[in-house]
Amino acid sequence: NFTQNVSKEKFTVDIKTVEYEHTIEVKNSDGEILINSQLFGNN
């Protein structure tokens, strides 16, 4: 969870791992997904 110092807008980054697949979602304070990224890796 982070807040922009200047605008005070709040954001959340969720990182979820299922076996070797990692999903990264960046959301604004309204819960709207701004970035959705998938990553495959062992760790």
PDB file of all heavy atoms in Angstrom:
ATOM      1  N   ASN A   1       0.859  -1.177   0.000  1.00  0.00           N
ATOM      2  CA  ASN A   1       0.000   0.000   0.000  1.00  0.00           C
ATOM      3  C   ASN A   1       0.900   1.233   0.000  1.00  0.00           C
ATOM      4  O   ASN A   1       1.822   1.325   0.817  1.00  0.00           O
ATOM      5  CB  ASN A   1      -0.906   0.032   1.233  1.00  0.00           C
ATOM      6  CG  ASN A   1      -1.948  -1.069   1.210  1.00  0.00           C
ATOM      7  OD1 ASN A   1      -2.627  -1.271   0.214  1.00  0.00           O
ATOM      8  ND2 ASN A   1      -2.067  -1.803   2.301  1.00  0.00           N
ATOM      9  N   PHE A   2       0.654   2.150  -0.934  1.00  0.00           N
ATOM     10  CA  PHE A   2       1.450   3.374  -0.913  1.00  0.00           C
ATOM     11  C   PHE A   2       0.603   4.569  -1.306  1.00  0.00           C
ATOM     12  O   PHE A   2      -0.426   4.442  -1.981  1.00  0.00           O
ATOM     13  CB  PHE A   2       2.687   3.252  -1.822  1.00  0.00           C
ATOM     14  CG  PHE A   2       2.402   3.141  -3.291  1.00  0.00           C
ATOM     15  CD1 PHE A   2       2.448   4.266  -4.113  1.00  0.00           C
ATOM     16  CD2 PHE A   2       2.108   1.921  -3.873  1.00  0.00           C
ATOM     17  CE1 PHE A   2       2.213   4.173  -5.478  1.00  0.00           C
ATOM     18  CE2 PHE A   2       1.879   1.810  -5.242  1.00  0.00           C
ATOM     19  CZ  PHE A   2       1.930   2.934  -6.038  1.00  0.00           C
ATOM     20  N   THR A   3       1.036   5.727  -0.845  1.00  0.00           N
ATOM     21  CA  THR A   3       0.324   6.986  -1.074  1.00  0.00           C
ATOM     22  C   THR A   3       1.266   7.971  -1.735  1.00  0.00           C
ATOM     23  O   THR A   3       2.408   8.136  -1.296  1.00  0.00           O
ATOM     24  CB  THR A   3      -0.182   7.573   0.255  1.00  0.00           C
ATOM     25  OG1 THR A   3      -1.012   6.601   0.904  1.00  0.00           O
ATOM     26  CG2 THR A   3      -0.979   8.856   0.016  1.00  0.00           C
ATOM     27  N   GLN A   4       0.792   8.635  -2.784  1.00  0.00           N
ATOM     28  CA  GLN A   4       1.588   9.678  -3.417  1.00  0.00           C
ATOM     29  C   GLN A   4       1.702  10.864  -2.462  1.00  0.00           C
ATOM     30  O   GLN A   4       0.700  11.378  -1.976  1.00  0.00           O
ATOM     31  CB  GLN A   4       0.942  10.126  -4.737  1.00  0.00           C
ATOM     32  CG  GLN A   4       0.901   9.056  -5.809  1.00  0.00           C
ATOM     33  CD  GLN A   4       2.278   8.717  -6.368  1.00  0.00           C
ATOM     34  OE1 GLN A   4       3.288   9.305  -5.989  1.00  0.00           O
ATOM     35  NE2 GLN A   4       2.316   7.757  -7.258  1.00  0.00           N
ATOM     36  N   ASN A   5       2.927  11.281  -2.190  1.00  0.00           N
ATOM     37  CA  ASN A   5       3.150  12.364  -1.230  1.00  0.00           C
ATOM     38  C   ASN A   5       2.500  13.668  -1.659  1.00  0.00           C
ATOM     39  O   ASN A   5       1.986  14.416  -0.841  1.00  0.00           O
ATOM     40  CB  ASN A   5       4.652  12.590  -1.038  1.00  0.00           C
ATOM     41  CG  ASN A   5       5.103  12.140   0.338  1.00  0.00           C
ATOM     42  OD1 ASN A   5       4.300  11.729   1.161  1.00  0.00           O
ATOM     43  ND2 ASN A   5       6.386  12.209   0.580  1.00  0.00           N
ATOM     44  N   VAL A   6       2.534  13.957  -2.946  1.00  0.00           N
ATOM     45  CA  VAL A   6       2.054  15.245  -3.440  1.00  0.00           C
ATOM     46  C   VAL A   6       0.534  15.257  -3.553  1.00  0.00           C
ATOM     47  O   VAL A   6      -0.142  16.121  -2.998  1.00  0.00           O
ATOM     48  CB  VAL A   6       2.686  15.580  -4.814  1.00  0.00           C
ATOM     49  CG1 VAL A   6       2.167  16.921  -5.319  1.00  0.00           C
ATOM     50  CG2 VAL A   6       4.201  15.599  -4.698  1.00  0.00           C
ATOM     51  N   SER A   7      -0.021  14.263  -4.272  1.00  0.00           N
ATOM     52  CA  SER A   7      -1.467  14.251  -4.534  1.00  0.00           C
ATOM     53  C   SER A   7      -2.269  13.518  -3.463  1.00  0.00           C
ATOM     54  O   SER A   7      -3.485  13.640  -3.424  1.00  0.00           O
ATOM     55  CB  SER A   7      -1.739  13.590  -5.890  1.00  0.00           C
ATOM     56  OG  SER A   7      -1.328  12.228  -5.868  1.00  0.00           O
ATOM     57  N   LYS A   8      -1.586  12.723  -2.626  1.00  0.00           N
ATOM     58  CA  LYS A   8      -2.222  11.915  -1.588  1.00  0.00           C
ATOM     59  C   LYS A   8      -3.118  10.819  -2.150  1.00  0.00           C
ATOM     60  O   LYS A   8      -3.948  10.264  -1.428  1.00  0.00           O
ATOM     61  CB  LYS A   8      -3.013  12.794  -0.605  1.00  0.00           C
ATOM     62  CG  LYS A   8      -2.160  13.832   0.121  1.00  0.00           C
ATOM     63  CD  LYS A   8      -1.009  13.177   0.868  1.00  0.00           C
ATOM     64  CE  LYS A   8      -0.132  14.206   1.567  1.00  0.00           C
ATOM     65  NZ  LYS A   8       1.069  13.578   2.199  1.00  0.00           N
ATOM     66  N   GLU A   9      -2.963  10.513  -3.431  1.00  0.00           N
ATOM     67  CA  GLU A   9      -3.708   9.402  -4.018  1.00  0.00           C
ATOM     68  C   GLU A   9      -3.133   8.080  -3.493  1.00  0.00           C
ATOM     69  O   GLU A   9      -1.930   7.921  -3.354  1.00  0.00           O
ATOM     70  CB  GLU A   9      -3.616   9.430  -5.545  1.00  0.00           C
ATOM     71  CG  GLU A   9      -4.271  10.637  -6.194  1.00  0.00           C
ATOM     72  CD  GLU A   9      -5.795  10.558  -6.155  1.00  0.00           C
ATOM     73  OE1 GLU A   9      -6.334   9.478  -5.809  1.00  0.00           O
ATOM     74  OE2 GLU A   9      -6.439  11.566  -6.497  1.00  0.00           O
ATOM     75  N   LYS A  10      -4.029   7.130  -3.217  1.00  0.00           N
ATOM     76  CA  LYS A  10      -3.617   5.857  -2.632  1.00  0.00           C
ATOM     77  C   LYS A  10      -3.684   4.725  -3.662  1.00  0.00           C
ATOM     78  O   LYS A  10      -4.579   4.703  -4.511  1.00  0.00           O
ATOM     79  CB  LYS A  10      -4.505   5.510  -1.434  1.00  0.00           C
ATOM     80  CG  LYS A  10      -4.429   6.531  -0.297  1.00  0.00           C
ATOM     81  CD  LYS A  10      -5.318   6.127   0.855  1.00  0.00           C
ATOM     82  CE  LYS A  10      -5.286   7.168   1.968  1.00  0.00           C
ATOM     83  NZ  LYS A  10      -3.947   7.280   2.580  1.00  0.00           N
ATOM     84  N   PHE A  11      -2.722   3.792  -3.553  1.00  0.00           N
ATOM     85  CA  PHE A  11      -2.656   2.665  -4.475  1.00  0.00           C
ATOM     86  C   PHE A  11      -2.314   1.391  -3.714  1.00  0.00           C
ATOM     87  O   PHE A  11      -1.684   1.433  -2.657  1.00  0.00           O
ATOM     88  CB  PHE A  11      -1.610   2.907  -5.565  1.00  0.00           C
ATOM     89  CG  PHE A  11      -1.900   4.110  -6.418  1.00  0.00           C
ATOM     90  CD1 PHE A  11      -1.400   5.356  -6.074  1.00  0.00           C
ATOM     91  CD2 PHE A  11      -2.696   3.999  -7.544  1.00  0.00           C
ATOM     92  CE1 PHE A  11      -1.688   6.470  -6.838  1.00  0.00           C
ATOM     93  CE2 PHE A  11      -2.988   5.107  -8.325  1.00  0.00           C
ATOM     94  CZ  PHE A  11      -2.481   6.342  -7.968  1.00  0.00           C
ATOM     95  N   THR A  12      -2.743   0.266  -4.292  1.00  0.00           N
ATOM     96  CA  THR A  12      -2.461  -1.050  -3.720  1.00  0.00           C
ATOM     97  C   THR A  12      -1.862  -1.941  -4.795  1.00  0.00           C
ATOM     98  O   THR A  12      -2.339  -1.970  -5.924  1.00  0.00           O
ATOM     99  CB  THR A  12      -3.746  -1.705  -3.173  1.00  0.00           C
ATOM    100  OG1 THR A  12      -4.294  -0.886  -2.143  1.00  0.00           O
ATOM    101  CG2 THR A  12      -3.449  -3.088  -2.603  1.00  0.00           C
ATOM    102  N   VAL A  13      -0.810  -2.661  -4.428  1.00  0.00           N
ATOM    103  CA  VAL A  13      -0.212  -3.655  -5.312  1.00  0.00           C
ATOM    104  C   VAL A  13      -0.406  -5.021  -4.665  1.00  0.00           C
ATOM    105  O   VAL A  13       0.051  -5.255  -3.545  1.00  0.00           O
ATOM    106  CB  VAL A  13       1.293  -3.401  -5.533  1.00  0.00           C
ATOM    107  CG1 VAL A  13       1.862  -4.438  -6.492  1.00  0.00           C
ATOM    108  CG2 VAL A  13       1.535  -1.998  -6.056  1.00  0.00           C
ATOM    109  N   ASP A  14      -1.115  -5.914  -5.351  1.00  0.00           N
ATOM    110  CA  ASP A  14      -1.315  -7.275  -4.865  1.00  0.00           C
ATOM    111  C   ASP A  14      -0.467  -8.241  -5.677  1.00  0.00           C
ATOM    112  O   ASP A  14      -0.509  -8.231  -6.915  1.00  0.00           O
ATOM    113  CB  ASP A  14      -2.788  -7.682  -4.969  1.00  0.00           C
ATOM    114  CG  ASP A  14      -3.634  -7.050  -3.869  1.00  0.00           C
ATOM    115  OD1 ASP A  14      -3.135  -6.950  -2.739  1.00  0.00           O
ATOM    116  OD2 ASP A  14      -4.777  -6.647  -4.158  1.00  0.00           O
ATOM    117  N   ILE A  15       0.298  -9.075  -4.984  1.00  0.00           N
ATOM    118  CA  ILE A  15       1.135 -10.087  -5.616  1.00  0.00           C
ATOM    119  C   ILE A  15       0.640 -11.447  -5.129  1.00  0.00           C
ATOM    120  O   ILE A  15       0.679 -11.734  -3.935  1.00  0.00           O
ATOM    121  CB  ILE A  15       2.617  -9.904  -5.254  1.00  0.00           C
ATOM    122  CG1 ILE A  15       3.075  -8.472  -5.561  1.00  0.00           C
ATOM    123  CG2 ILE A  15       3.486 -10.912  -5.990  1.00  0.00           C
ATOM    124  CD1 ILE A  15       4.446  -8.131  -5.000  1.00  0.00           C
ATOM    125  N   LYS A  16       0.163 -12.275  -6.060  1.00  0.00           N
ATOM    126  CA  LYS A  16      -0.384 -13.585  -5.701  1.00  0.00           C
ATOM    127  C   LYS A  16       0.376 -14.674  -6.449  1.00  0.00           C
ATOM    128  O   LYS A  16       0.608 -14.570  -7.651  1.00  0.00           O
ATOM    129  CB  LYS A  16      -1.869 -13.650  -6.047  1.00  0.00           C
ATOM    130  CG  LYS A  16      -2.711 -12.616  -5.307  1.00  0.00           C
ATOM    131  CD  LYS A  16      -4.159 -12.637  -5.765  1.00  0.00           C
ATOM    132  CE  LYS A  16      -4.969 -11.544  -5.065  1.00  0.00           C
ATOM    133  NZ  LYS A  16      -6.372 -11.513  -5.554  1.00  0.00           N
ATOM    134  N   THR A  17       0.755 -15.720  -5.718  1.00  0.00           N
ATOM    135  CA  THR A  17       1.542 -16.798  -6.289  1.00  0.00           C
ATOM    136  C   THR A  17       0.785 -18.119  -6.200  1.00  0.00           C
ATOM    137  O   THR A  17       0.324 -18.497  -5.121  1.00  0.00           O
ATOM    138  CB  THR A  17       2.888 -16.931  -5.558  1.00  0.00           C
ATOM    139  OG1 THR A  17       3.654 -15.736  -5.760  1.00  0.00           O
ATOM    140  CG2 THR A  17       3.679 -18.115  -6.073  1.00  0.00           C
ATOM    141  N   VAL A  18       0.637 -18.797  -7.352  1.00  0.00           N
ATOM    142  CA  VAL A  18       0.069 -20.146  -7.412  1.00  0.00           C
ATOM    143  C   VAL A  18       1.069 -21.017  -8.161  1.00  0.00           C
ATOM    144  O   VAL A  18       1.254 -20.865  -9.378  1.00  0.00           O
ATOM    145  CB  VAL A  18      -1.302 -20.163  -8.116  1.00  0.00           C
ATOM    146  CG1 VAL A  18      -1.832 -21.590  -8.181  1.00  0.00           C
ATOM    147  CG2 VAL A  18      -2.288 -19.250  -7.406  1.00  0.00           C
ATOM    148  N   GLU A  19       1.737 -21.894  -7.420  1.00  0.00           N
ATOM    149  CA  GLU A  19       2.820 -22.727  -7.956  1.00  0.00           C
ATOM    150  C   GLU A  19       3.871 -21.830  -8.616  1.00  0.00           C
ATOM    151  O   GLU A  19       4.511 -21.034  -7.959  1.00  0.00           O
ATOM    152  CB  GLU A  19       2.261 -23.777  -8.924  1.00  0.00           C
ATOM    153  CG  GLU A  19       1.378 -24.801  -8.219  1.00  0.00           C
ATOM    154  CD  GLU A  19       0.908 -25.898  -9.128  1.00  0.00           C
ATOM    155  OE1 GLU A  19       1.048 -25.772 -10.369  1.00  0.00           O
ATOM    156  OE2 GLU A  19       0.392 -26.905  -8.603  1.00  0.00           O
ATOM    157  N   TYR A  20       4.033 -21.898  -9.948  1.00  0.00           N
ATOM    158  CA  TYR A  20       5.075 -21.119 -10.607  1.00  0.00           C
ATOM    159  C   TYR A  20       4.541 -19.866 -11.292  1.00  0.00           C
ATOM    160  O   TYR A  20       5.277 -19.181 -12.001  1.00  0.00           O
ATOM    161  CB  TYR A  20       5.799 -21.984 -11.644  1.00  0.00           C
ATOM    162  CG  TYR A  20       6.433 -23.214 -11.055  1.00  0.00           C
ATOM    163  CD1 TYR A  20       5.976 -24.485 -11.401  1.00  0.00           C
ATOM    164  CD2 TYR A  20       7.478 -23.116 -10.134  1.00  0.00           C
ATOM    165  CE1 TYR A  20       6.552 -25.619 -10.846  1.00  0.00           C
ATOM    166  CE2 TYR A  20       8.050 -24.234  -9.580  1.00  0.00           C
ATOM    167  CZ  TYR A  20       7.594 -25.496  -9.935  1.00  0.00           C
ATOM    168  OH  TYR A  20       8.166 -26.610  -9.387  1.00  0.00           O
ATOM    169  N   GLU A  21       3.267 -19.560 -11.088  1.00  0.00           N
ATOM    170  CA  GLU A  21       2.667 -18.391 -11.728  1.00  0.00           C
ATOM    171  C   GLU A  21       2.428 -17.296 -10.701  1.00  0.00           C
ATOM    172  O   GLU A  21       1.822 -17.523  -9.659  1.00  0.00           O
ATOM    173  CB  GLU A  21       1.341 -18.766 -12.398  1.00  0.00           C
ATOM    174  CG  GLU A  21       0.694 -17.603 -13.134  1.00  0.00           C
ATOM    175  CD  GLU A  21      -0.567 -18.008 -13.871  1.00  0.00           C
ATOM    176  OE1 GLU A  21      -0.881 -19.213 -13.895  1.00  0.00           O
ATOM    177  OE2 GLU A  21      -1.233 -17.118 -14.422  1.00  0.00           O
ATOM    178  N   HIS A  22       2.925 -16.107 -11.003  1.00  0.00           N
ATOM    179  CA  HIS A  22       2.794 -14.955 -10.114  1.00  0.00           C
ATOM    180  C   HIS A  22       1.980 -13.875 -10.821  1.00  0.00           C
ATOM    181  O   HIS A  22       2.299 -13.492 -11.951  1.00  0.00           O
ATOM    182  CB  HIS A  22       4.172 -14.407  -9.738  1.00  0.00           C
ATOM    183  CG  HIS A  22       5.154 -15.474  -9.379  1.00  0.00           C
ATOM    184  ND1 HIS A  22       5.130 -16.137  -8.172  1.00  0.00           N
ATOM    185  CD2 HIS A  22       6.178 -16.029 -10.095  1.00  0.00           C
ATOM    186  CE1 HIS A  22       6.117 -17.031  -8.137  1.00  0.00           C
ATOM    187  NE2 HIS A  22       6.759 -16.978  -9.297  1.00  0.00           N
ATOM    188  N   THR A  23       0.940 -13.406 -10.162  1.00  0.00           N
ATOM    189  CA  THR A  23       0.093 -12.362 -10.723  1.00  0.00           C
ATOM    190  C   THR A  23       0.292 -11.079  -9.936  1.00  0.00           C
ATOM    191  O   THR A  23       0.261 -11.085  -8.694  1.00  0.00           O
ATOM    192  CB  THR A  23      -1.394 -12.763 -10.672  1.00  0.00           C
ATOM    193  OG1 THR A  23      -1.565 -13.971 -11.412  1.00  0.00           O
ATOM    194  CG2 THR A  23      -2.267 -11.674 -11.290  1.00  0.00           C
ATOM    195  N   ILE A  24       0.508  -9.981 -10.660  1.00  0.00           N
ATOM    196  CA  ILE A  24       0.722  -8.671 -10.038  1.00  0.00           C
ATOM    197  C   ILE A  24      -0.374  -7.722 -10.510  1.00  0.00           C
ATOM    198  O   ILE A  24      -0.548  -7.518 -11.706  1.00  0.00           O
ATOM    199  CB  ILE A  24       2.106  -8.104 -10.402  1.00  0.00           C
ATOM    200  CG1 ILE A  24       3.207  -9.057  -9.914  1.00  0.00           C
ATOM    201  CG2 ILE A  24       2.299  -6.710  -9.813  1.00  0.00           C
ATOM    202  CD1 ILE A  24       4.575  -8.742 -10.465  1.00  0.00           C
ATOM    203  N   GLU A  25      -1.121  -7.163  -9.558  1.00  0.00           N
ATOM    204  CA  GLU A  25      -2.184  -6.213  -9.879  1.00  0.00           C
ATOM    205  C   GLU A  25      -1.967  -4.914  -9.126  1.00  0.00           C
ATOM    206  O   GLU A  25      -1.718  -4.925  -7.914  1.00  0.00           O
ATOM    207  CB  GLU A  25      -3.562  -6.775  -9.515  1.00  0.00           C
ATOM    208  CG  GLU A  25      -4.031  -7.907 -10.397  1.00  0.00           C
ATOM    209  CD  GLU A  25      -5.442  -8.364 -10.083  1.00  0.00           C
ATOM    210  OE1 GLU A  25      -5.948  -8.007  -8.988  1.00  0.00           O
ATOM    211  OE2 GLU A  25      -6.053  -9.066 -10.901  1.00  0.00           O
ATOM    212  N   VAL A  26      -2.048  -3.820  -9.849  1.00  0.00           N
ATOM    213  CA  VAL A  26      -1.960  -2.485  -9.247  1.00  0.00           C
ATOM    214  C   VAL A  26      -3.341  -1.843  -9.335  1.00  0.00           C
ATOM    215  O   VAL A  26      -3.917  -1.759 -10.420  1.00  0.00           O
ATOM    216  CB  VAL A  26      -0.919  -1.611  -9.978  1.00  0.00           C
ATOM    217  CG1 VAL A  26      -0.836  -0.227  -9.338  1.00  0.00           C
ATOM    218  CG2 VAL A  26       0.452  -2.287  -9.968  1.00  0.00           C
ATOM    219  N   LYS A  27      -3.865  -1.399  -8.184  1.00  0.00           N
ATOM    220  CA  LYS A  27      -5.212  -0.840  -8.135  1.00  0.00           C
ATOM    221  C   LYS A  27      -5.192   0.561  -7.525  1.00  0.00           C
ATOM    222  O   LYS A  27      -4.342   0.866  -6.676  1.00  0.00           O
ATOM    223  CB  LYS A  27      -6.135  -1.731  -7.292  1.00  0.00           C
ATOM    224  CG  LYS A  27      -6.217  -3.167  -7.758  1.00  0.00           C
ATOM    225  CD  LYS A  27      -7.052  -3.999  -6.795  1.00  0.00           C
ATOM    226  CE  LYS A  27      -7.070  -5.469  -7.177  1.00  0.00           C
ATOM    227  NZ  LYS A  27      -7.815  -6.290  -6.199  1.00  0.00           N
ATOM    228  N   ASN A  28      -6.135   1.389  -7.960  1.00  0.00           N
ATOM    229  CA  ASN A  28      -6.293   2.699  -7.328  1.00  0.00           C
ATOM    230  C   ASN A  28      -7.223   2.574  -6.122  1.00  0.00           C
ATOM    231  O   ASN A  28      -7.666   1.467  -5.774  1.00  0.00           O
ATOM    232  CB  ASN A  28      -6.799   3.743  -8.334  1.00  0.00           C
ATOM    233  CG  ASN A  28      -8.159   3.363  -8.927  1.00  0.00           C
ATOM    234  OD1 ASN A  28      -8.903   2.562  -8.373  1.00  0.00           O
ATOM    235  ND2 ASN A  28      -8.485   3.956 -10.066  1.00  0.00           N
ATOM    236  N   SER A  29      -7.546   3.694  -5.485  1.00  0.00           N
ATOM    237  CA  SER A  29      -8.353   3.663  -4.264  1.00  0.00           C
ATOM    238  C   SER A  29      -9.783   3.208  -4.508  1.00  0.00           C
ATOM    239  O   SER A  29     -10.485   2.823  -3.575  1.00  0.00           O
ATOM    240  CB  SER A  29      -8.351   5.050  -3.605  1.00  0.00           C
ATOM    241  OG  SER A  29      -8.839   6.027  -4.517  1.00  0.00           O
ATOM    242  N   ASP A  30     -10.229   3.237  -5.767  1.00  0.00           N
ATOM    243  CA  ASP A  30     -11.571   2.756  -6.116  1.00  0.00           C
ATOM    244  C   ASP A  30     -11.582   1.266  -6.440  1.00  0.00           C
ATOM    245  O   ASP A  30     -12.636   0.704  -6.760  1.00  0.00           O
ATOM    246  CB  ASP A  30     -12.118   3.534  -7.319  1.00  0.00           C
ATOM    247  CG  ASP A  30     -12.338   5.005  -7.003  1.00  0.00           C
ATOM    248  OD1 ASP A  30     -12.702   5.316  -5.850  1.00  0.00           O
ATOM    249  OD2 ASP A  30     -12.127   5.845  -7.908  1.00  0.00           O
ATOM    250  N   GLY A  31     -10.421   0.618  -6.384  1.00  0.00           N
ATOM    251  CA  GLY A  31     -10.338  -0.797  -6.694  1.00  0.00           C
ATOM    252  C   GLY A  31     -10.192  -1.095  -8.171  1.00  0.00           C
ATOM    253  O   GLY A  31     -10.182  -2.258  -8.584  1.00  0.00           O
ATOM    254  N   GLU A  32     -10.051  -0.052  -8.994  1.00  0.00           N
ATOM    255  CA  GLU A  32      -9.878  -0.236 -10.428  1.00  0.00           C
ATOM    256  C   GLU A  32      -8.473  -0.763 -10.712  1.00  0.00           C
ATOM    257  O   GLU A  32      -7.482  -0.240 -10.198  1.00  0.00           O
ATOM    258  CB  GLU A  32     -10.091   1.093 -11.148  1.00  0.00           C
ATOM    259  CG  GLU A  32      -9.911   1.022 -12.651  1.00  0.00           C
ATOM    260  CD  GLU A  32     -10.021   2.389 -13.306  1.00  0.00           C
ATOM    261  OE1 GLU A  32     -10.215   3.398 -12.581  1.00  0.00           O
ATOM    262  OE2 GLU A  32      -9.886   2.451 -14.546  1.00  0.00           O
ATOM    263  N   ILE A  33      -8.389  -1.823 -11.529  1.00  0.00           N
ATOM    264  CA  ILE A  33      -7.088  -2.406 -11.865  1.00  0.00           C
ATOM    265  C   ILE A  33      -6.406  -1.565 -12.941  1.00  0.00           C
ATOM    266  O   ILE A  33      -6.908  -1.437 -14.056  1.00  0.00           O
ATOM    267  CB  ILE A  33      -7.248  -3.860 -12.353  1.00  0.00           C
ATOM    268  CG1 ILE A  33      -7.850  -4.720 -11.235  1.00  0.00           C
ATOM    269  CG2 ILE A  33      -5.889  -4.429 -12.782  1.00  0.00           C
ATOM    270  CD1 ILE A  33      -8.146  -6.146 -11.652  1.00  0.00           C
ATOM    271  N   LEU A  34      -5.261  -0.999 -12.603  1.00  0.00           N
ATOM    272  CA  LEU A  34      -4.504  -0.161 -13.531  1.00  0.00           C
ATOM    273  C   LEU A  34      -3.447  -0.959 -14.280  1.00  0.00           C
ATOM    274  O   LEU A  34      -3.141  -0.675 -15.439  1.00  0.00           O
ATOM    275  CB  LEU A  34      -3.839   0.989 -12.766  1.00  0.00           C
ATOM    276  CG  LEU A  34      -4.767   1.855 -11.900  1.00  0.00           C
ATOM    277  CD1 LEU A  34      -3.949   2.898 -11.159  1.00  0.00           C
ATOM    278  CD2 LEU A  34      -5.839   2.508 -12.749  1.00  0.00           C
ATOM    279  N   ILE A  35      -2.867  -1.941 -13.606  1.00  0.00           N
ATOM    280  CA  ILE A  35      -1.842  -2.790 -14.216  1.00  0.00           C
ATOM    281  C   ILE A  35      -2.128  -4.230 -13.816  1.00  0.00           C
ATOM    282  O   ILE A  35      -2.377  -4.526 -12.647  1.00  0.00           O
ATOM    283  CB  ILE A  35      -0.421  -2.410 -13.749  1.00  0.00           C
ATOM    284  CG1 ILE A  35      -0.091  -0.962 -14.116  1.00  0.00           C
ATOM    285  CG2 ILE A  35       0.624  -3.347 -14.349  1.00  0.00           C
ATOM    286  CD1 ILE A  35       1.200  -0.461 -13.501  1.00  0.00           C
ATOM    287  N   ASN A  36      -2.096  -5.128 -14.793  1.00  0.00           N
ATOM    288  CA  ASN A  36      -2.232  -6.561 -14.531  1.00  0.00           C
ATOM    289  C   ASN A  36      -1.106  -7.274 -15.260  1.00  0.00           C
ATOM    290  O   ASN A  36      -0.998  -7.187 -16.482  1.00  0.00           O
ATOM    291  CB  ASN A  36      -3.594  -7.077 -14.996  1.00  0.00           C
ATOM    292  CG  ASN A  36      -3.793  -8.545 -14.634  1.00  0.00           C
ATOM    293  OD1 ASN A  36      -3.096  -9.408 -15.123  1.00  0.00           O
ATOM    294  ND2 ASN A  36      -4.756  -8.816 -13.772  1.00  0.00           N
ATOM    295  N   SER A  37      -0.255  -7.928 -14.510  1.00  0.00           N
ATOM    296  CA  SER A  37       0.938  -8.524 -15.107  1.00  0.00           C
ATOM    297  C   SER A  37       1.128  -9.945 -14.582  1.00  0.00           C
ATOM    298  O   SER A  37       0.934 -10.195 -13.385  1.00  0.00           O
ATOM    299  CB  SER A  37       2.165  -7.671 -14.782  1.00  0.00           C
ATOM    300  OG  SER A  37       3.334  -8.243 -15.323  1.00  0.00           O
ATOM    301  N   GLN A  38       1.480 -10.866 -15.479  1.00  0.00           N
ATOM    302  CA  GLN A  38       1.760 -12.240 -15.090  1.00  0.00           C
ATOM    303  C   GLN A  38       3.248 -12.532 -15.253  1.00  0.00           C
ATOM    304  O   GLN A  38       3.884 -12.064 -16.196  1.00  0.00           O
ATOM    305  CB  GLN A  38       0.961 -13.236 -15.944  1.00  0.00           C
ATOM    306  CG  GLN A  38      -0.453 -13.493 -15.453  1.00  0.00           C
ATOM    307  CD  GLN A  38      -1.373 -12.329 -15.751  1.00  0.00           C
ATOM    308  OE1 GLN A  38      -1.317 -11.766 -16.838  1.00  0.00           O
ATOM    309  NE2 GLN A  38      -2.203 -11.954 -14.799  1.00  0.00           N
ATOM    310  N   LEU A  39       3.753 -13.309 -14.325  1.00  0.00           N
ATOM    311  CA  LEU A  39       5.172 -13.646 -14.309  1.00  0.00           C
ATOM    312  C   LEU A  39       5.299 -15.124 -13.978  1.00  0.00           C
ATOM    313  O   LEU A  39       4.643 -15.621 -13.058  1.00  0.00           O
ATOM    314  CB  LEU A  39       5.894 -12.791 -13.257  1.00  0.00           C
ATOM    315  CG  LEU A  39       7.328 -13.150 -12.899  1.00  0.00           C
ATOM    316  CD1 LEU A  39       8.253 -12.868 -14.070  1.00  0.00           C
ATOM    317  CD2 LEU A  39       7.780 -12.364 -11.671  1.00  0.00           C
ATOM    318  N   PHE A  40       6.127 -15.842 -14.730  1.00  0.00           N
ATOM    319  CA  PHE A  40       6.356 -17.258 -14.472  1.00  0.00           C
ATOM    320  C   PHE A  40       7.792 -17.446 -14.008  1.00  0.00           C
ATOM    321  O   PHE A  40       8.733 -16.958 -14.635  1.00  0.00           O
ATOM    322  CB  PHE A  40       6.098 -18.078 -15.742  1.00  0.00           C
ATOM    323  CG  PHE A  40       4.667 -18.048 -16.192  1.00  0.00           C
ATOM    324  CD1 PHE A  40       4.239 -17.071 -17.074  1.00  0.00           C
ATOM    325  CD2 PHE A  40       3.747 -18.974 -15.717  1.00  0.00           C
ATOM    326  CE1 PHE A  40       2.918 -17.024 -17.493  1.00  0.00           C
ATOM    327  CE2 PHE A  40       2.423 -18.940 -16.124  1.00  0.00           C
ATOM    328  CZ  PHE A  40       2.009 -17.957 -17.007  1.00  0.00           C
ATOM    329  N   GLY A  41       7.953 -18.149 -12.891  1.00  0.00           N
ATOM    330  CA  GLY A  41       9.284 -18.369 -12.357  1.00  0.00           C
ATOM    331  C   GLY A  41       9.242 -19.299 -11.171  1.00  0.00           C
ATOM    332  O   GLY A  41       8.185 -19.520 -10.568  1.00  0.00           O
ATOM    333  N   ASN A  42      10.407 -19.825 -10.814  1.00  0.00           N
ATOM    334  CA  ASN A  42      10.481 -20.801  -9.733  1.00  0.00           C
ATOM    335  C   ASN A  42      10.298 -20.188  -8.357  1.00  0.00           C
ATOM    336  O   ASN A  42       9.775 -20.825  -7.451  1.00  0.00           O
ATOM    337  CB  ASN A  42      11.830 -21.531  -9.778  1.00  0.00           C
ATOM    338  CG  ASN A  42      11.974 -22.385 -11.023  1.00  0.00           C
ATOM    339  OD1 ASN A  42      10.988 -22.883 -11.551  1.00  0.00           O
ATOM    340  ND2 ASN A  42      13.200 -22.537 -11.497  1.00  0.00           N
ATOM    341  N   ASN A  43      10.727 -18.958  -8.204  1.00  0.00           N
ATOM    342  CA  ASN A  43      10.799 -18.385  -6.861  1.00  0.00           C
ATOM    343  C   ASN A  43       9.920 -17.149  -6.704  1.00  0.00           C
ATOM    344  O   ASN A  43       9.690 -16.407  -7.658  1.00  0.00           O
ATOM    345  CB  ASN A  43      12.251 -17.989  -6.538  1.00  0.00           C
ATOM    346  CG  ASN A  43      13.187 -19.171  -6.623  1.00  0.00           C
ATOM    347  OD1 ASN A  43      12.910 -20.223  -6.064  1.00  0.00           O
ATOM    348  ND2 ASN A  43      14.294 -19.001  -7.323  1.00  0.00           N
TER     349      ASN A  43
END
